[in-house]
Amino acid sequence: HRLKEVFHISEKIVVLKDGKYVTDVETPKTNEQE
C-alpha cells in the first residue's frame, strides 16, 4: 500500500478493484495521483 515503495522498486503495476482487474501500467509512465 506504500506507493513510494511501489514506484521505487517496480517496473510494472497491476491494479485490482473489488476483485476485478482494472489496468496494468509501466511504472515510469504513471504517477501516484493517477
Full PDB file with SEQRES, HELIX, SHEET, SSBOND, CRYST1, ORIGX, SCALE, CONECT and MASTER records, all heavy atoms in Angstrom:
SEQRES   1 A   34  HIS ARG LEU LYS GLU VAL PHE HIS ILE SER GLU LYS ILE          
SEQRES   2 A   34  VAL VAL LEU LYS ASP GLY LYS TYR VAL THR ASP VAL GLU          
SEQRES   3 A   34  THR PRO LYS THR ASN GLU GLN GLU                              
HELIX    1 AA1 LEU A    3  ILE A    9  1                                   7    
HELIX    2 AA2 THR A   27  LYS A   29  5                                   3    
SHEET    1 AA1 2 LYS A  12  LYS A  17  0                                        
SHEET    2 AA1 2 LYS A  20  GLU A  26 -1                                        
CRYST1    1.000    1.000    1.000  90.00  90.00  90.00 P 1           1          
ORIGX1      1.000000  0.000000  0.000000        0.00000                         
ORIGX2      0.000000  1.000000  0.000000        0.00000                         
ORIGX3      0.000000  0.000000  1.000000        0.00000                         
SCALE1      1.000000  0.000000  0.000000        0.00000                         
SCALE2      0.000000  1.000000  0.000000        0.00000                         
SCALE3      0.000000  0.000000  1.000000        0.00000                         
ATOM      1  N   HIS A   1       0.824  -1.202   0.000  1.00  0.00           N  
ATOM      2  CA  HIS A   1       0.000   0.000   0.000  1.00  0.00           C  
ATOM      3  C   HIS A   1       0.860   1.255   0.000  1.00  0.00           C  
ATOM      4  O   HIS A   1       0.340   2.359  -0.111  1.00  0.00           O  
ATOM      5  CB  HIS A   1      -0.902   0.023   1.233  1.00  0.00           C  
ATOM      6  CG  HIS A   1      -1.933  -1.052   1.238  1.00  0.00           C  
ATOM      7  ND1 HIS A   1      -2.824  -1.221   0.210  1.00  0.00           N  
ATOM      8  CD2 HIS A   1      -2.217  -2.019   2.145  1.00  0.00           C  
ATOM      9  CE1 HIS A   1      -3.627  -2.246   0.485  1.00  0.00           C  
ATOM     10  NE2 HIS A   1      -3.269  -2.733   1.643  1.00  0.00           N  
ATOM     11  N   ARG A   2       2.173   1.087   0.141  1.00  0.00           N  
ATOM     12  CA  ARG A   2       3.076   2.223   0.188  1.00  0.00           C  
ATOM     13  C   ARG A   2       3.506   2.570  -1.240  1.00  0.00           C  
ATOM     14  O   ARG A   2       4.405   1.936  -1.810  1.00  0.00           O  
ATOM     15  CB  ARG A   2       4.283   1.911   1.065  1.00  0.00           C  
ATOM     16  CG  ARG A   2       3.896   1.612   2.520  1.00  0.00           C  
ATOM     17  CD  ARG A   2       5.105   1.321   3.376  1.00  0.00           C  
ATOM     18  NE  ARG A   2       4.743   1.124   4.761  1.00  0.00           N  
ATOM     19  CZ  ARG A   2       5.620   0.929   5.753  1.00  0.00           C  
ATOM     20  NH1 ARG A   2       6.917   0.925   5.476  1.00  0.00           N  
ATOM     21  NH2 ARG A   2       5.210   0.745   6.993  1.00  0.00           N  
ATOM     22  N   LEU A   3       2.860   3.565  -1.800  1.00  0.00           N  
ATOM     23  CA  LEU A   3       3.055   3.861  -3.214  1.00  0.00           C  
ATOM     24  C   LEU A   3       4.476   4.325  -3.522  1.00  0.00           C  
ATOM     25  O   LEU A   3       4.983   4.082  -4.623  1.00  0.00           O  
ATOM     26  CB  LEU A   3       2.031   4.897  -3.677  1.00  0.00           C  
ATOM     27  CG  LEU A   3       0.565   4.450  -3.584  1.00  0.00           C  
ATOM     28  CD1 LEU A   3      -0.347   5.487  -4.218  1.00  0.00           C  
ATOM     29  CD2 LEU A   3       0.363   3.086  -4.239  1.00  0.00           C  
ATOM     30  N   LYS A   4       5.121   4.991  -2.577  1.00  0.00           N  
ATOM     31  CA  LYS A   4       6.508   5.411  -2.819  1.00  0.00           C  
ATOM     32  C   LYS A   4       7.401   4.198  -3.046  1.00  0.00           C  
ATOM     33  O   LYS A   4       8.289   4.220  -3.906  1.00  0.00           O  
ATOM     34  CB  LYS A   4       7.020   6.247  -1.643  1.00  0.00           C  
ATOM     35  CG  LYS A   4       6.406   7.639  -1.556  1.00  0.00           C  
ATOM     36  CD  LYS A   4       7.003   8.458  -0.428  1.00  0.00           C  
ATOM     37  CE  LYS A   4       6.380   9.852  -0.378  1.00  0.00           C  
ATOM     38  NZ  LYS A   4       6.918  10.655   0.753  1.00  0.00           N  
ATOM     39  N   GLU A   5       7.165   3.128  -2.287  1.00  0.00           N  
ATOM     40  CA  GLU A   5       7.925   1.897  -2.473  1.00  0.00           C  
ATOM     41  C   GLU A   5       7.630   1.288  -3.836  1.00  0.00           C  
ATOM     42  O   GLU A   5       8.532   0.821  -4.538  1.00  0.00           O  
ATOM     43  CB  GLU A   5       7.564   0.878  -1.380  1.00  0.00           C  
ATOM     44  CG  GLU A   5       8.009   1.266   0.000  1.00  0.00           C  
ATOM     45  CD  GLU A   5       7.594   0.211   1.021  1.00  0.00           C  
ATOM     46  OE1 GLU A   5       7.081  -0.836   0.603  1.00  0.00           O  
ATOM     47  OE2 GLU A   5       7.801   0.451   2.213  1.00  0.00           O  
ATOM     48  N   VAL A   6       6.352   1.282  -4.206  1.00  0.00           N  
ATOM     49  CA  VAL A   6       5.936   0.716  -5.483  1.00  0.00           C  
ATOM     50  C   VAL A   6       6.663   1.396  -6.632  1.00  0.00           C  
ATOM     51  O   VAL A   6       7.182   0.742  -7.550  1.00  0.00           O  
ATOM     52  CB  VAL A   6       4.405   0.841  -5.657  1.00  0.00           C  
ATOM     53  CG1 VAL A   6       3.990   0.575  -7.097  1.00  0.00           C  
ATOM     54  CG2 VAL A   6       3.682  -0.114  -4.706  1.00  0.00           C  
ATOM     55  N   PHE A   7       6.734   2.724  -6.593  1.00  0.00           N  
ATOM     56  CA  PHE A   7       7.395   3.461  -7.670  1.00  0.00           C  
ATOM     57  C   PHE A   7       8.910   3.287  -7.624  1.00  0.00           C  
ATOM     58  O   PHE A   7       9.584   3.385  -8.651  1.00  0.00           O  
ATOM     59  CB  PHE A   7       7.023   4.950  -7.598  1.00  0.00           C  
ATOM     60  CG  PHE A   7       5.690   5.252  -8.199  1.00  0.00           C  
ATOM     61  CD1 PHE A   7       4.546   5.261  -7.404  1.00  0.00           C  
ATOM     62  CD2 PHE A   7       5.562   5.494  -9.554  1.00  0.00           C  
ATOM     63  CE1 PHE A   7       3.303   5.522  -7.961  1.00  0.00           C  
ATOM     64  CE2 PHE A   7       4.324   5.750 -10.118  1.00  0.00           C  
ATOM     65  CZ  PHE A   7       3.184   5.767  -9.327  1.00  0.00           C  
ATOM     66  N   HIS A   8       9.442   3.007  -6.450  1.00  0.00           N  
ATOM     67  CA  HIS A   8      10.892   2.847  -6.316  1.00  0.00           C  
ATOM     68  C   HIS A   8      11.372   1.491  -6.830  1.00  0.00           C  
ATOM     69  O   HIS A   8      12.451   1.411  -7.445  1.00  0.00           O  
ATOM     70  CB  HIS A   8      11.297   3.009  -4.843  1.00  0.00           C  
ATOM     71  CG  HIS A   8      12.756   2.817  -4.589  1.00  0.00           C  
ATOM     72  ND1 HIS A   8      13.700   3.763  -4.919  1.00  0.00           N  
ATOM     73  CD2 HIS A   8      13.441   1.771  -4.051  1.00  0.00           C  
ATOM     74  CE1 HIS A   8      14.904   3.319  -4.594  1.00  0.00           C  
ATOM     75  NE2 HIS A   8      14.775   2.112  -4.068  1.00  0.00           N  
ATOM     76  N   ILE A   9      10.586   0.442  -6.617  1.00  0.00           N  
ATOM     77  CA  ILE A   9      11.098  -0.910  -6.829  1.00  0.00           C  
ATOM     78  C   ILE A   9      10.553  -1.608  -8.064  1.00  0.00           C  
ATOM     79  O   ILE A   9      11.148  -2.566  -8.555  1.00  0.00           O  
ATOM     80  CB  ILE A   9      10.811  -1.777  -5.570  1.00  0.00           C  
ATOM     81  CG1 ILE A   9      11.727  -2.999  -5.520  1.00  0.00           C  
ATOM     82  CG2 ILE A   9       9.354  -2.187  -5.505  1.00  0.00           C  
ATOM     83  CD1 ILE A   9      13.188  -2.663  -5.329  1.00  0.00           C  
ATOM     84  N   SER A  10       9.413  -1.167  -8.616  1.00  0.00           N  
ATOM     85  CA  SER A  10       8.754  -1.942  -9.677  1.00  0.00           C  
ATOM     86  C   SER A  10       8.967  -1.368 -11.068  1.00  0.00           C  
ATOM     87  O   SER A  10       9.268  -0.185 -11.230  1.00  0.00           O  
ATOM     88  CB  SER A  10       7.246  -2.033  -9.396  1.00  0.00           C  
ATOM     89  OG  SER A  10       6.623  -0.776  -9.584  1.00  0.00           O  
ATOM     90  N   GLU A  11       8.791  -2.241 -12.082  1.00  0.00           N  
ATOM     91  CA  GLU A  11       8.761  -1.808 -13.480  1.00  0.00           C  
ATOM     92  C   GLU A  11       7.338  -1.745 -14.009  1.00  0.00           C  
ATOM     93  O   GLU A  11       7.065  -1.063 -14.993  1.00  0.00           O  
ATOM     94  CB  GLU A  11       9.540  -2.780 -14.374  1.00  0.00           C  
ATOM     95  CG  GLU A  11      11.040  -2.732 -14.210  1.00  0.00           C  
ATOM     96  CD  GLU A  11      11.516  -3.561 -13.037  1.00  0.00           C  
ATOM     97  OE1 GLU A  11      10.996  -4.670 -12.847  1.00  0.00           O  
ATOM     98  OE2 GLU A  11      12.384  -3.075 -12.294  1.00  0.00           O  
ATOM     99  N   LYS A  12       6.445  -2.482 -13.332  1.00  0.00           N  
ATOM    100  CA  LYS A  12       5.078  -2.609 -13.819  1.00  0.00           C  
ATOM    101  C   LYS A  12       4.142  -2.653 -12.622  1.00  0.00           C  
ATOM    102  O   LYS A  12       4.485  -3.197 -11.571  1.00  0.00           O  
ATOM    103  CB  LYS A  12       4.962  -3.895 -14.650  1.00  0.00           C  
ATOM    104  CG  LYS A  12       3.573  -4.322 -15.058  1.00  0.00           C  
ATOM    105  CD  LYS A  12       3.682  -5.612 -15.856  1.00  0.00           C  
ATOM    106  CE  LYS A  12       2.336  -6.231 -16.110  1.00  0.00           C  
ATOM    107  NZ  LYS A  12       2.460  -7.485 -16.871  1.00  0.00           N  
ATOM    108  N   ILE A  13       2.945  -2.064 -12.776  1.00  0.00           N  
ATOM    109  CA  ILE A  13       1.964  -2.028 -11.695  1.00  0.00           C  
ATOM    110  C   ILE A  13       0.637  -2.570 -12.214  1.00  0.00           C  
ATOM    111  O   ILE A  13       0.131  -2.108 -13.243  1.00  0.00           O  
ATOM    112  CB  ILE A  13       1.763  -0.599 -11.156  1.00  0.00           C  
ATOM    113  CG1 ILE A  13       3.097   0.000 -10.699  1.00  0.00           C  
ATOM    114  CG2 ILE A  13       0.746  -0.596 -10.007  1.00  0.00           C  
ATOM    115  CD1 ILE A  13       3.022   1.484 -10.363  1.00  0.00           C  
ATOM    116  N   VAL A  14       0.089  -3.554 -11.505  1.00  0.00           N  
ATOM    117  CA  VAL A  14      -1.235  -4.099 -11.816  1.00  0.00           C  
ATOM    118  C   VAL A  14      -2.208  -3.616 -10.747  1.00  0.00           C  
ATOM    119  O   VAL A  14      -1.937  -3.738  -9.545  1.00  0.00           O  
ATOM    120  CB  VAL A  14      -1.218  -5.643 -11.854  1.00  0.00           C  
ATOM    121  CG1 VAL A  14      -2.638  -6.197 -11.992  1.00  0.00           C  
ATOM    122  CG2 VAL A  14      -0.348  -6.131 -12.998  1.00  0.00           C  
ATOM    123  N   VAL A  15      -3.344  -3.054 -11.154  1.00  0.00           N  
ATOM    124  CA  VAL A  15      -4.335  -2.507 -10.232  1.00  0.00           C  
ATOM    125  C   VAL A  15      -5.568  -3.406 -10.201  1.00  0.00           C  
ATOM    126  O   VAL A  15      -6.124  -3.758 -11.251  1.00  0.00           O  
ATOM    127  CB  VAL A  15      -4.752  -1.079 -10.645  1.00  0.00           C  
ATOM    128  CG1 VAL A  15      -5.737  -0.502  -9.634  1.00  0.00           C  
ATOM    129  CG2 VAL A  15      -3.528  -0.173 -10.784  1.00  0.00           C  
ATOM    130  N   LEU A  16      -5.984  -3.779  -8.977  1.00  0.00           N  
ATOM    131  CA  LEU A  16      -7.230  -4.512  -8.773  1.00  0.00           C  
ATOM    132  C   LEU A  16      -8.200  -3.638  -7.989  1.00  0.00           C  
ATOM    133  O   LEU A  16      -7.794  -2.848  -7.142  1.00  0.00           O  
ATOM    134  CB  LEU A  16      -6.985  -5.809  -7.987  1.00  0.00           C  
ATOM    135  CG  LEU A  16      -6.066  -6.866  -8.598  1.00  0.00           C  
ATOM    136  CD1 LEU A  16      -5.987  -8.082  -7.678  1.00  0.00           C  
ATOM    137  CD2 LEU A  16      -6.536  -7.288  -9.982  1.00  0.00           C  
ATOM    138  N   LYS A  17      -9.482  -3.790  -8.273  1.00  0.00           N  
ATOM    139  CA  LYS A  17     -10.523  -3.087  -7.516  1.00  0.00           C  
ATOM    140  C   LYS A  17     -11.746  -3.972  -7.430  1.00  0.00           C  
ATOM    141  O   LYS A  17     -12.248  -4.475  -8.444  1.00  0.00           O  
ATOM    142  CB  LYS A  17     -10.884  -1.761  -8.181  1.00  0.00           C  
ATOM    143  CG  LYS A  17     -12.008  -1.001  -7.450  1.00  0.00           C  
ATOM    144  CD  LYS A  17     -12.231   0.371  -8.078  1.00  0.00           C  
ATOM    145  CE  LYS A  17     -13.460   1.043  -7.475  1.00  0.00           C  
ATOM    146  NZ  LYS A  17     -13.359   1.192  -6.003  1.00  0.00           N  
ATOM    147  N   ASP A  18     -12.226  -4.204  -6.185  1.00  0.00           N  
ATOM    148  CA  ASP A  18     -13.424  -5.021  -5.953  1.00  0.00           C  
ATOM    149  C   ASP A  18     -13.323  -6.381  -6.634  1.00  0.00           C  
ATOM    150  O   ASP A  18     -14.297  -6.898  -7.195  1.00  0.00           O  
ATOM    151  CB  ASP A  18     -14.676  -4.290  -6.441  1.00  0.00           C  
ATOM    152  CG  ASP A  18     -14.920  -2.991  -5.696  1.00  0.00           C  
ATOM    153  OD1 ASP A  18     -14.558  -2.919  -4.502  1.00  0.00           O  
ATOM    154  OD2 ASP A  18     -15.448  -2.043  -6.302  1.00  0.00           O  
ATOM    155  N   GLY A  19     -12.130  -6.982  -6.590  1.00  0.00           N  
ATOM    156  CA  GLY A  19     -11.947  -8.313  -7.145  1.00  0.00           C  
ATOM    157  C   GLY A  19     -11.768  -8.360  -8.643  1.00  0.00           C  
ATOM    158  O   GLY A  19     -11.672  -9.444  -9.226  1.00  0.00           O  
ATOM    159  N   LYS A  20     -11.700  -7.206  -9.290  1.00  0.00           N  
ATOM    160  CA  LYS A  20     -11.590  -7.162 -10.748  1.00  0.00           C  
ATOM    161  C   LYS A  20     -10.270  -6.510 -11.172  1.00  0.00           C  
ATOM    162  O   LYS A  20      -9.759  -5.626 -10.493  1.00  0.00           O  
ATOM    163  CB  LYS A  20     -12.756  -6.371 -11.360  1.00  0.00           C  
ATOM    164  CG  LYS A  20     -14.129  -6.967 -11.089  1.00  0.00           C  
ATOM    165  CD  LYS A  20     -15.219  -6.062 -11.673  1.00  0.00           C  
ATOM    166  CE  LYS A  20     -16.606  -6.603 -11.387  1.00  0.00           C  
ATOM    167  NZ  LYS A  20     -17.663  -5.700 -11.910  1.00  0.00           N  
ATOM    168  N   TYR A  21      -9.771  -6.981 -12.310  1.00  0.00           N  
ATOM    169  CA  TYR A  21      -8.607  -6.349 -12.926  1.00  0.00           C  
ATOM    170  C   TYR A  21      -9.023  -4.999 -13.492  1.00  0.00           C  
ATOM    171  O   TYR A  21     -10.019  -4.893 -14.211  1.00  0.00           O  
ATOM    172  CB  TYR A  21      -8.073  -7.263 -14.029  1.00  0.00           C  
ATOM    173  CG  TYR A  21      -7.091  -6.614 -14.978  1.00  0.00           C  
ATOM    174  CD1 TYR A  21      -5.727  -6.601 -14.695  1.00  0.00           C  
ATOM    175  CD2 TYR A  21      -7.527  -6.020 -16.159  1.00  0.00           C  
ATOM    176  CE1 TYR A  21      -4.823  -6.011 -15.570  1.00  0.00           C  
ATOM    177  CE2 TYR A  21      -6.633  -5.434 -17.042  1.00  0.00           C  
ATOM    178  CZ  TYR A  21      -5.289  -5.430 -16.748  1.00  0.00           C  
ATOM    179  OH  TYR A  21      -4.403  -4.846 -17.611  1.00  0.00           O  
ATOM    180  N   VAL A  22      -8.273  -3.941 -13.151  1.00  0.00           N  
ATOM    181  CA  VAL A  22      -8.567  -2.598 -13.664  1.00  0.00           C  
ATOM    182  C   VAL A  22      -7.636  -2.247 -14.814  1.00  0.00           C  
ATOM    183  O   VAL A  22      -8.075  -1.916 -15.915  1.00  0.00           O  
ATOM    184  CB  VAL A  22      -8.449  -1.537 -12.548  1.00  0.00           C  
ATOM    185  CG1 VAL A  22      -8.664  -0.135 -13.119  1.00  0.00           C  
ATOM    186  CG2 VAL A  22      -9.446  -1.821 -11.435  1.00  0.00           C  
ATOM    187  N   THR A  23      -6.335  -2.341 -14.555  1.00  0.00           N  
ATOM    188  CA  THR A  23      -5.359  -1.995 -15.591  1.00  0.00           C  
ATOM    189  C   THR A  23      -3.980  -2.446 -15.144  1.00  0.00           C  
ATOM    190  O   THR A  23      -3.771  -2.786 -13.971  1.00  0.00           O  
ATOM    191  CB  THR A  23      -5.335  -0.467 -15.848  1.00  0.00           C  
ATOM    192  OG1 THR A  23      -4.520  -0.185 -16.981  1.00  0.00           O  
ATOM    193  CG2 THR A  23      -4.780   0.284 -14.647  1.00  0.00           C  
ATOM    194  N   ASP A  24      -3.036  -2.478 -16.084  1.00  0.00           N  
ATOM    195  CA  ASP A  24      -1.626  -2.559 -15.705  1.00  0.00           C  
ATOM    196  C   ASP A  24      -0.882  -1.499 -16.495  1.00  0.00           C  
ATOM    197  O   ASP A  24      -1.197  -1.227 -17.654  1.00  0.00           O  
ATOM    198  CB  ASP A  24      -1.043  -3.955 -15.920  1.00  0.00           C  
ATOM    199  CG  ASP A  24      -1.043  -4.391 -17.364  1.00  0.00           C  
ATOM    200  OD1 ASP A  24      -0.135  -3.987 -18.106  1.00  0.00           O  
ATOM    201  OD2 ASP A  24      -1.955  -5.148 -17.752  1.00  0.00           O  
ATOM    202  N   VAL A  25       0.065  -0.867 -15.815  1.00  0.00           N  
ATOM    203  CA  VAL A  25       0.791   0.257 -16.403  1.00  0.00           C  
ATOM    204  C   VAL A  25       2.282   0.106 -16.137  1.00  0.00           C  
ATOM    205  O   VAL A  25       2.689  -0.481 -15.134  1.00  0.00           O  
ATOM    206  CB  VAL A  25       0.309   1.610 -15.821  1.00  0.00           C  
ATOM    207  CG1 VAL A  25      -1.101   1.914 -16.258  1.00  0.00           C  
ATOM    208  CG2 VAL A  25       0.401   1.604 -14.293  1.00  0.00           C  
ATOM    209  N   GLU A  26       3.083   0.622 -17.043  1.00  0.00           N  
ATOM    210  CA  GLU A  26       4.522   0.689 -16.800  1.00  0.00           C  
ATOM    211  C   GLU A  26       4.768   1.773 -15.759  1.00  0.00           C  
ATOM    212  O   GLU A  26       4.260   2.891 -15.881  1.00  0.00           O  
ATOM    213  CB  GLU A  26       5.261   1.005 -18.099  1.00  0.00           C  
ATOM    214  CG  GLU A  26       5.174  -0.091 -19.137  1.00  0.00           C  
ATOM    215  CD  GLU A  26       5.908   0.295 -20.411  1.00  0.00           C  
ATOM    216  OE1 GLU A  26       6.944   0.993 -20.301  1.00  0.00           O  
ATOM    217  OE2 GLU A  26       5.431  -0.083 -21.495  1.00  0.00           O  
ATOM    218  N   THR A  27       5.528   1.436 -14.733  1.00  0.00           N  
ATOM    219  CA  THR A  27       5.719   2.343 -13.600  1.00  0.00           C  
ATOM    220  C   THR A  27       6.198   3.737 -13.992  1.00  0.00           C  
ATOM    221  O   THR A  27       5.647   4.739 -13.505  1.00  0.00           O  
ATOM    222  CB  THR A  27       6.690   1.719 -12.578  1.00  0.00           C  
ATOM    223  OG1 THR A  27       6.205   0.418 -12.207  1.00  0.00           O  
ATOM    224  CG2 THR A  27       6.806   2.572 -11.337  1.00  0.00           C  
ATOM    225  N   PRO A  28       7.174   3.868 -14.901  1.00  0.00           N  
ATOM    226  CA  PRO A  28       7.635   5.225 -15.246  1.00  0.00           C  
ATOM    227  C   PRO A  28       6.588   6.065 -15.979  1.00  0.00           C  
ATOM    228  O   PRO A  28       6.746   7.285 -16.076  1.00  0.00           O  
ATOM    229  CB  PRO A  28       8.849   4.964 -16.152  1.00  0.00           C  
ATOM    230  CG  PRO A  28       9.249   3.552 -15.889  1.00  0.00           C  
ATOM    231  CD  PRO A  28       7.993   2.830 -15.566  1.00  0.00           C  
ATOM    232  N   LYS A  29       5.530   5.425 -16.487  1.00  0.00           N  
ATOM    233  CA  LYS A  29       4.542   6.140 -17.289  1.00  0.00           C  
ATOM    234  C   LYS A  29       3.302   6.546 -16.501  1.00  0.00           C  
ATOM    235  O   LYS A  29       2.294   6.938 -17.085  1.00  0.00           O  
ATOM    236  CB  LYS A  29       4.141   5.294 -18.499  1.00  0.00           C  
ATOM    237  CG  LYS A  29       5.283   5.060 -19.485  1.00  0.00           C  
ATOM    238  CD  LYS A  29       4.824   4.271 -20.693  1.00  0.00           C  
ATOM    239  CE  LYS A  29       5.972   4.075 -21.684  1.00  0.00           C  
ATOM    240  NZ  LYS A  29       5.542   3.294 -22.880  1.00  0.00           N  
ATOM    241  N   THR A  30       3.352   6.430 -15.159  1.00  0.00           N  
ATOM    242  CA  THR A  30       2.206   6.849 -14.346  1.00  0.00           C  
ATOM    243  C   THR A  30       2.713   7.625 -13.140  1.00  0.00           C  
ATOM    244  O   THR A  30       3.904   7.866 -12.991  1.00  0.00           O  
ATOM    245  CB  THR A  30       1.366   5.623 -13.902  1.00  0.00           C  
ATOM    246  OG1 THR A  30       0.166   6.083 -13.256  1.00  0.00           O  
ATOM    247  CG2 THR A  30       2.142   4.735 -12.955  1.00  0.00           C  
ATOM    248  N   ASN A  31       1.801   8.036 -12.271  1.00  0.00           N  
ATOM    249  CA  ASN A  31       2.172   8.758 -11.058  1.00  0.00           C  
ATOM    250  C   ASN A  31       1.204   8.383  -9.940  1.00  0.00           C  
ATOM    251  O   ASN A  31       0.229   7.660 -10.168  1.00  0.00           O  
ATOM    252  CB  ASN A  31       2.173  10.275 -11.288  1.00  0.00           C  
ATOM    253  CG  ASN A  31       0.831  10.771 -11.817  1.00  0.00           C  
ATOM    254  OD1 ASN A  31      -0.218  10.568 -11.206  1.00  0.00           O  
ATOM    255  ND2 ASN A  31       0.856  11.422 -12.983  1.00  0.00           N  
ATOM    256  N   GLU A  32       1.485   8.873  -8.734  1.00  0.00           N  
ATOM    257  CA  GLU A  32       0.683   8.472  -7.572  1.00  0.00           C  
ATOM    258  C   GLU A  32      -0.778   8.872  -7.720  1.00  0.00           C  
ATOM    259  O   GLU A  32      -1.677   8.089  -7.405  1.00  0.00           O  
ATOM    260  CB  GLU A  32       1.278   9.057  -6.283  1.00  0.00           C  
ATOM    261  CG  GLU A  32       2.564   8.395  -5.848  1.00  0.00           C  
ATOM    262  CD  GLU A  32       2.937   8.729  -4.411  1.00  0.00           C  
ATOM    263  OE1 GLU A  32       2.023   9.119  -3.647  1.00  0.00           O  
ATOM    264  OE2 GLU A  32       4.115   8.585  -4.051  1.00  0.00           O  
ATOM    265  N   GLN A  33      -1.033  10.081  -8.156  1.00  0.00           N  
ATOM    266  CA  GLN A  33      -2.416  10.544  -8.258  1.00  0.00           C  
ATOM    267  C   GLN A  33      -3.218   9.718  -9.259  1.00  0.00           C  
ATOM    268  O   GLN A  33      -4.375   9.371  -9.014  1.00  0.00           O  
ATOM    269  CB  GLN A  33      -2.447  12.032  -8.653  1.00  0.00           C  
ATOM    270  CG  GLN A  33      -2.053  12.980  -7.538  1.00  0.00           C  
ATOM    271  CD  GLN A  33      -2.924  12.820  -6.296  1.00  0.00           C  
ATOM    272  OE1 GLN A  33      -4.139  12.720  -6.379  1.00  0.00           O  
ATOM    273  NE2 GLN A  33      -2.281  12.768  -5.129  1.00  0.00           N  
ATOM    274  N   GLU A  34      -2.610   9.392 -10.389  1.00  0.00           N  
ATOM    275  CA  GLU A  34      -3.292   8.572 -11.382  1.00  0.00           C  
ATOM    276  C   GLU A  34      -3.556   7.171 -10.832  1.00  0.00           C  
ATOM    277  O   GLU A  34      -4.633   6.596 -11.026  1.00  0.00           O  
ATOM    278  CB  GLU A  34      -2.455   8.480 -12.656  1.00  0.00           C  
ATOM    279  CG  GLU A  34      -3.153   7.715 -13.789  1.00  0.00           C  
ATOM    280  CD  GLU A  34      -2.321   7.656 -15.054  1.00  0.00           C  
ATOM    281  OE1 GLU A  34      -1.106   7.353 -14.947  1.00  0.00           O  
ATOM    282  OE2 GLU A  34      -2.878   7.922 -16.124  1.00  0.00           O  
TER     283      GLU A  34                                                      
MASTER        0    0    0    2    2    0    0    6  282    1    0    3          
END                                                                             
